[in-house]
Each structure stands twice: as structure tokens, then as C-alpha cells.
């Protein structure tokens, strides 16, 4: 695997726990700290929300199993979550060309 390919599949992960809830936030590494604007929409990939630690997209998605609320941003992350069956393709929204999905387990 070349450096470029490995880099493209990295993600930032942040896990927060309170009571029985586990919030998992994952974004493609290259999107962290960026702001996307599309007419009325301003979408910020905020460091304080997403930046916990850097890992691979695969490792990040493994954390979905133990999470109750999941926030996913980025084409690599969301497409891999769809491949794994965590996210239905119709549940994905696109903001400024960036894929975004949420999972809430009741």
C-alpha cells in the first residue's frame, strides 16, 4: 500500500460517554478543521467535536458496535460504513459534496 492510499484512509475519532450513552464522532482525516459553504449551508468539521485521536477508517468503524450515537463525516468513512452495513445509502446526506450520516441506536 502506497503512502497516498494509507493517508486517504485515516480518520479522526472522538468518543464521549455519559451514563449509558456513547457518542462516536468520526471524520476523514483531511476534513478536520475545515469549513464548507454551499449557498445557505455552512458545515464545520470542528476539531473540538471530531479530534480525539487519529486512526484508520476501519478501526474507527469498529467502534460503532459499542456506540449508541454515531456521527460520520467524509466520503471514505461513510462509504466504508455503507459497505459494512452500518448505514443505509438513503440515510446519507451530502453537504457541499461531503457525505454525512448519523446512527442512533434506541
N, C-alpha and C. Protein backbone atom coordinates (compact mmCIF):
# COMPACT_ATOMS: atom_id res chain seq x y z
N UNK A 1 0.84 -1.19 0.00
CA UNK A 1 0.00 0.00 0.00
C UNK A 1 0.88 1.24 0.00
N UNK A 2 0.65 2.16 -0.92
CA UNK A 2 1.45 3.37 -1.01
C UNK A 2 1.08 4.37 0.06
N UNK A 3 1.94 5.36 0.28
CA UNK A 3 1.69 6.38 1.29
C UNK A 3 0.38 7.13 1.04
N UNK A 4 0.12 7.43 -0.20
CA UNK A 4 -1.07 8.19 -0.54
C UNK A 4 -2.33 7.42 -0.15
N UNK A 5 -2.36 6.13 -0.48
CA UNK A 5 -3.54 5.31 -0.17
C UNK A 5 -3.74 5.17 1.33
N UNK A 6 -2.66 4.96 2.06
CA UNK A 6 -2.75 4.80 3.51
C UNK A 6 -3.27 6.09 4.14
N UNK A 7 -2.76 7.22 3.69
CA UNK A 7 -3.16 8.51 4.24
C UNK A 7 -4.64 8.78 4.00
N UNK A 8 -5.14 8.41 2.83
CA UNK A 8 -6.52 8.67 2.47
C UNK A 8 -7.50 7.91 3.35
N UNK A 9 -7.05 6.83 3.98
CA UNK A 9 -7.96 6.03 4.77
C UNK A 9 -7.79 6.25 6.27
N UNK A 10 -7.27 7.41 6.64
CA UNK A 10 -7.17 7.75 8.06
C UNK A 10 -8.35 8.61 8.47
N UNK A 11 -8.69 8.51 9.74
CA UNK A 11 -9.82 9.28 10.26
C UNK A 11 -9.50 9.78 11.66
N UNK A 12 -10.17 10.87 12.03
CA UNK A 12 -10.13 11.32 13.41
C UNK A 12 -11.37 10.79 14.11
N UNK A 13 -11.17 10.37 15.36
CA UNK A 13 -12.22 9.75 16.14
C UNK A 13 -12.29 10.42 17.50
N UNK A 14 -13.51 10.67 17.96
CA UNK A 14 -13.71 11.20 19.30
C UNK A 14 -14.84 10.40 19.94
N UNK A 15 -14.60 9.88 21.12
CA UNK A 15 -15.60 9.10 21.84
C UNK A 15 -15.92 9.83 23.14
N UNK A 16 -17.21 10.08 23.35
CA UNK A 16 -17.65 10.69 24.61
C UNK A 16 -18.66 9.77 25.26
N UNK A 17 -18.57 9.62 26.57
CA UNK A 17 -19.51 8.77 27.30
C UNK A 17 -20.20 9.57 28.39
N UNK A 18 -21.49 9.37 28.52
CA UNK A 18 -22.22 9.90 29.66
C UNK A 18 -23.36 8.95 29.95
N UNK A 19 -23.43 8.48 31.19
CA UNK A 19 -24.42 7.46 31.54
C UNK A 19 -24.25 6.25 30.65
N UNK A 20 -25.34 5.83 30.05
CA UNK A 20 -25.29 4.67 29.15
C UNK A 20 -25.04 5.05 27.71
N UNK A 21 -24.94 6.33 27.44
CA UNK A 21 -24.77 6.80 26.07
C UNK A 21 -23.29 6.87 25.69
N UNK A 22 -23.00 6.47 24.47
CA UNK A 22 -21.64 6.59 23.92
C UNK A 22 -21.76 7.29 22.57
N UNK A 23 -21.21 8.50 22.49
CA UNK A 23 -21.24 9.26 21.25
C UNK A 23 -19.91 9.07 20.53
N UNK A 24 -19.99 8.58 19.30
CA UNK A 24 -18.81 8.37 18.46
C UNK A 24 -18.87 9.37 17.31
N UNK A 25 -17.83 10.18 17.17
CA UNK A 25 -17.73 11.13 16.06
C UNK A 25 -16.51 10.74 15.23
N UNK A 26 -16.71 10.55 13.93
CA UNK A 26 -15.63 10.14 13.04
C UNK A 26 -15.64 11.03 11.80
N UNK A 27 -14.47 11.54 11.42
CA UNK A 27 -14.37 12.29 10.16
C UNK A 27 -13.11 11.86 9.41
N UNK A 28 -13.17 11.92 8.09
CA UNK A 28 -11.98 11.67 7.28
C UNK A 28 -10.90 12.65 7.74
N UNK A 29 -9.68 12.17 7.90
CA UNK A 29 -8.59 12.97 8.47
C UNK A 29 -8.39 14.31 7.77
N UNK A 30 -8.49 14.32 6.44
CA UNK A 30 -8.19 15.56 5.71
C UNK A 30 -9.29 16.63 5.86
N UNK A 31 -10.43 16.28 6.45
CA UNK A 31 -11.53 17.24 6.60
C UNK A 31 -11.48 17.99 7.94
N UNK A 32 -10.69 17.49 8.88
CA UNK A 32 -10.68 18.08 10.22
C UNK A 32 -10.34 19.57 10.19
N UNK A 33 -11.16 20.36 10.84
CA UNK A 33 -10.91 21.79 10.96
C UNK A 33 -11.37 22.61 9.76
N UNK A 34 -11.94 21.95 8.75
CA UNK A 34 -12.36 22.68 7.55
C UNK A 34 -13.81 23.13 7.65
N UNK A 35 -14.12 24.19 6.92
CA UNK A 35 -15.49 24.70 6.84
C UNK A 35 -15.90 24.70 5.38
N UNK A 36 -17.10 24.18 5.12
CA UNK A 36 -17.63 24.10 3.76
C UNK A 36 -18.87 24.96 3.68
N UNK A 37 -18.96 25.79 2.66
CA UNK A 37 -20.10 26.67 2.49
C UNK A 37 -20.75 26.42 1.14
N UNK A 38 -22.07 26.25 1.17
CA UNK A 38 -22.83 25.97 -0.04
C UNK A 38 -24.15 26.73 0.07
N UNK A 39 -24.26 27.86 -0.61
CA UNK A 39 -25.40 28.78 -0.53
C UNK A 39 -25.76 29.08 0.93
N UNK A 40 -26.85 28.50 1.45
CA UNK A 40 -27.29 28.82 2.82
C UNK A 40 -26.60 27.96 3.89
N UNK A 41 -25.92 26.91 3.47
CA UNK A 41 -25.37 25.95 4.43
C UNK A 41 -23.91 26.23 4.73
N UNK A 42 -23.59 26.28 6.02
CA UNK A 42 -22.19 26.35 6.46
C UNK A 42 -21.97 25.11 7.31
N UNK A 43 -21.07 24.26 6.87
CA UNK A 43 -20.82 22.99 7.55
C UNK A 43 -19.39 22.99 8.07
N UNK A 44 -19.24 22.97 9.39
CA UNK A 44 -17.90 23.00 10.01
C UNK A 44 -17.56 21.62 10.57
N UNK A 45 -16.37 21.14 10.24
CA UNK A 45 -15.87 19.89 10.80
C UNK A 45 -14.96 20.32 11.96
N UNK A 46 -15.59 20.58 13.10
CA UNK A 46 -14.90 21.21 14.23
C UNK A 46 -13.96 20.26 14.95
N UNK A 47 -12.76 20.79 15.24
CA UNK A 47 -11.77 19.98 15.95
C UNK A 47 -12.27 19.57 17.33
N UNK A 48 -12.97 20.47 18.03
CA UNK A 48 -13.41 20.13 19.38
C UNK A 48 -14.43 18.99 19.38
N UNK A 49 -15.11 18.76 18.26
CA UNK A 49 -16.09 17.68 18.19
C UNK A 49 -15.47 16.38 17.68
N UNK A 50 -14.62 16.47 16.66
CA UNK A 50 -14.10 15.27 16.00
C UNK A 50 -12.70 14.83 16.43
N UNK A 51 -11.88 15.78 16.93
CA UNK A 51 -10.48 15.44 17.15
C UNK A 51 -10.26 14.81 18.52
N UNK A 52 -10.22 13.49 18.53
CA UNK A 52 -9.85 12.76 19.72
C UNK A 52 -8.49 12.14 19.43
N UNK A 53 -8.50 11.15 18.55
CA UNK A 53 -7.26 10.51 18.12
C UNK A 53 -7.38 10.12 16.65
N UNK A 54 -6.22 9.94 16.02
CA UNK A 54 -6.18 9.57 14.60
C UNK A 54 -5.98 8.06 14.50
N UNK A 55 -6.73 7.44 13.60
CA UNK A 55 -6.62 6.01 13.39
C UNK A 55 -7.02 5.70 11.96
N UNK A 56 -7.16 4.42 11.63
CA UNK A 56 -7.63 4.07 10.29
C UNK A 56 -9.16 4.13 10.27
N UNK A 57 -9.72 4.30 9.09
CA UNK A 57 -11.18 4.29 8.96
C UNK A 57 -11.74 2.96 9.47
N UNK A 58 -11.08 1.85 9.15
CA UNK A 58 -11.55 0.54 9.61
C UNK A 58 -11.62 0.46 11.13
N UNK A 59 -10.55 0.89 11.79
CA UNK A 59 -10.53 0.86 13.27
C UNK A 59 -11.60 1.78 13.84
N UNK A 60 -11.77 2.94 13.23
CA UNK A 60 -12.79 3.89 13.69
C UNK A 60 -14.17 3.26 13.62
N UNK A 61 -14.47 2.59 12.51
CA UNK A 61 -15.79 1.99 12.34
C UNK A 61 -16.03 0.80 13.25
N UNK A 62 -14.95 0.16 13.71
CA UNK A 62 -15.11 -0.93 14.68
C UNK A 62 -15.75 -0.43 15.98
N UNK A 63 -15.59 0.85 16.27
CA UNK A 63 -16.14 1.43 17.50
C UNK A 63 -17.66 1.63 17.44
N UNK A 64 -18.24 1.48 16.25
CA UNK A 64 -19.70 1.65 16.11
C UNK A 64 -20.44 0.63 16.97
N UNK A 65 -19.90 -0.57 17.06
CA UNK A 65 -20.56 -1.64 17.82
C UNK A 65 -20.87 -1.23 19.27
N UNK A 66 -19.95 -0.48 19.89
CA UNK A 66 -20.14 -0.12 21.29
C UNK A 66 -20.66 1.30 21.49
N UNK A 67 -21.15 1.92 20.41
CA UNK A 67 -21.63 3.30 20.48
C UNK A 67 -23.15 3.34 20.33
N UNK A 68 -23.77 4.35 20.95
CA UNK A 68 -25.23 4.50 20.85
C UNK A 68 -25.61 5.61 19.88
N UNK A 69 -24.73 6.60 19.71
CA UNK A 69 -24.96 7.69 18.77
C UNK A 69 -23.69 7.83 17.95
N UNK A 70 -23.83 7.85 16.64
CA UNK A 70 -22.66 7.89 15.77
C UNK A 70 -22.84 9.02 14.74
N UNK A 71 -21.79 9.82 14.58
CA UNK A 71 -21.78 10.92 13.63
C UNK A 71 -20.60 10.69 12.68
N UNK A 72 -20.88 10.49 11.40
CA UNK A 72 -19.84 10.16 10.42
C UNK A 72 -19.78 11.24 9.35
N UNK A 73 -18.56 11.71 9.04
CA UNK A 73 -18.37 12.73 8.01
C UNK A 73 -17.21 12.34 7.11
N UNK A 74 -17.45 12.42 5.80
CA UNK A 74 -16.38 12.18 4.83
C UNK A 74 -16.70 11.00 3.94
N UNK A 75 -16.24 11.08 2.71
CA UNK A 75 -16.54 10.03 1.72
C UNK A 75 -15.94 8.68 2.11
N UNK A 76 -14.69 8.67 2.58
CA UNK A 76 -14.06 7.39 2.95
C UNK A 76 -14.81 6.73 4.09
N UNK A 77 -15.09 7.50 5.13
CA UNK A 77 -15.74 6.98 6.33
C UNK A 77 -17.17 6.50 6.04
N UNK A 78 -17.94 7.33 5.37
CA UNK A 78 -19.35 6.99 5.13
C UNK A 78 -19.48 5.83 4.14
N UNK A 79 -18.68 5.84 3.07
CA UNK A 79 -18.76 4.73 2.10
C UNK A 79 -18.40 3.40 2.75
N UNK A 80 -17.38 3.41 3.60
CA UNK A 80 -16.97 2.18 4.29
C UNK A 80 -18.07 1.72 5.26
N UNK A 81 -18.75 2.67 5.92
CA UNK A 81 -19.85 2.33 6.83
C UNK A 81 -21.02 1.71 6.05
N UNK A 82 -21.26 2.20 4.84
CA UNK A 82 -22.31 1.62 3.99
C UNK A 82 -21.92 0.20 3.58
N UNK A 83 -20.65 0.02 3.16
CA UNK A 83 -20.16 -1.31 2.77
C UNK A 83 -20.34 -2.32 3.89
N UNK A 84 -20.11 -1.87 5.11
CA UNK A 84 -20.20 -2.77 6.27
C UNK A 84 -21.64 -2.97 6.75
N UNK A 85 -22.59 -2.24 6.16
CA UNK A 85 -23.98 -2.42 6.54
C UNK A 85 -24.43 -1.61 7.74
N UNK A 86 -23.61 -0.67 8.19
CA UNK A 86 -24.00 0.17 9.34
C UNK A 86 -24.95 1.29 8.94
N UNK A 87 -24.82 1.75 7.68
CA UNK A 87 -25.59 2.90 7.21
C UNK A 87 -26.29 2.52 5.91
N UNK A 88 -27.59 2.85 5.83
CA UNK A 88 -28.32 2.64 4.58
C UNK A 88 -27.99 3.80 3.64
N UNK A 89 -27.71 3.52 2.38
CA UNK A 89 -27.34 4.59 1.44
C UNK A 89 -28.35 5.75 1.40
N UNK A 90 -29.64 5.46 1.58
CA UNK A 90 -30.65 6.52 1.54
C UNK A 90 -30.63 7.40 2.79
N UNK A 91 -29.93 6.96 3.83
CA UNK A 91 -29.84 7.75 5.06
C UNK A 91 -28.69 8.75 5.02
N UNK A 92 -27.94 8.75 3.95
CA UNK A 92 -26.76 9.62 3.81
C UNK A 92 -27.19 10.95 3.21
N UNK A 93 -26.71 12.04 3.79
CA UNK A 93 -26.92 13.35 3.18
C UNK A 93 -25.58 13.86 2.66
N UNK A 94 -25.65 14.75 1.69
CA UNK A 94 -24.44 15.35 1.13
C UNK A 94 -24.49 16.84 1.39
N UNK A 95 -23.47 17.34 2.05
CA UNK A 95 -23.36 18.78 2.34
C UNK A 95 -22.10 19.26 1.66
N UNK A 96 -22.24 20.16 0.71
CA UNK A 96 -21.09 20.70 -0.02
C UNK A 96 -20.23 19.58 -0.63
N UNK A 97 -20.87 18.51 -1.07
CA UNK A 97 -20.15 17.39 -1.67
C UNK A 97 -19.53 16.43 -0.68
N UNK A 98 -19.73 16.69 0.61
CA UNK A 98 -19.18 15.83 1.67
C UNK A 98 -20.29 14.93 2.19
N UNK A 99 -20.03 13.62 2.27
CA UNK A 99 -21.03 12.69 2.78
C UNK A 99 -21.12 12.78 4.30
N UNK A 100 -22.35 12.67 4.81
CA UNK A 100 -22.60 12.77 6.25
C UNK A 100 -23.70 11.78 6.62
N UNK A 101 -23.50 11.06 7.70
CA UNK A 101 -24.51 10.10 8.17
C UNK A 101 -24.52 10.06 9.69
N UNK A 102 -25.69 9.76 10.24
CA UNK A 102 -25.81 9.62 11.68
C UNK A 102 -26.52 8.30 11.97
N UNK A 103 -26.13 7.70 13.07
CA UNK A 103 -26.77 6.47 13.54
C UNK A 103 -27.19 6.72 14.98
N UNK A 104 -28.43 6.40 15.30
CA UNK A 104 -28.89 6.48 16.68
C UNK A 104 -29.51 5.14 17.02
N UNK A 105 -28.96 4.47 18.03
CA UNK A 105 -29.48 3.17 18.45
C UNK A 105 -30.44 3.39 19.61
N UNK A 106 -31.65 2.92 19.46
CA UNK A 106 -32.65 3.09 20.52
C UNK A 106 -32.66 1.90 21.45
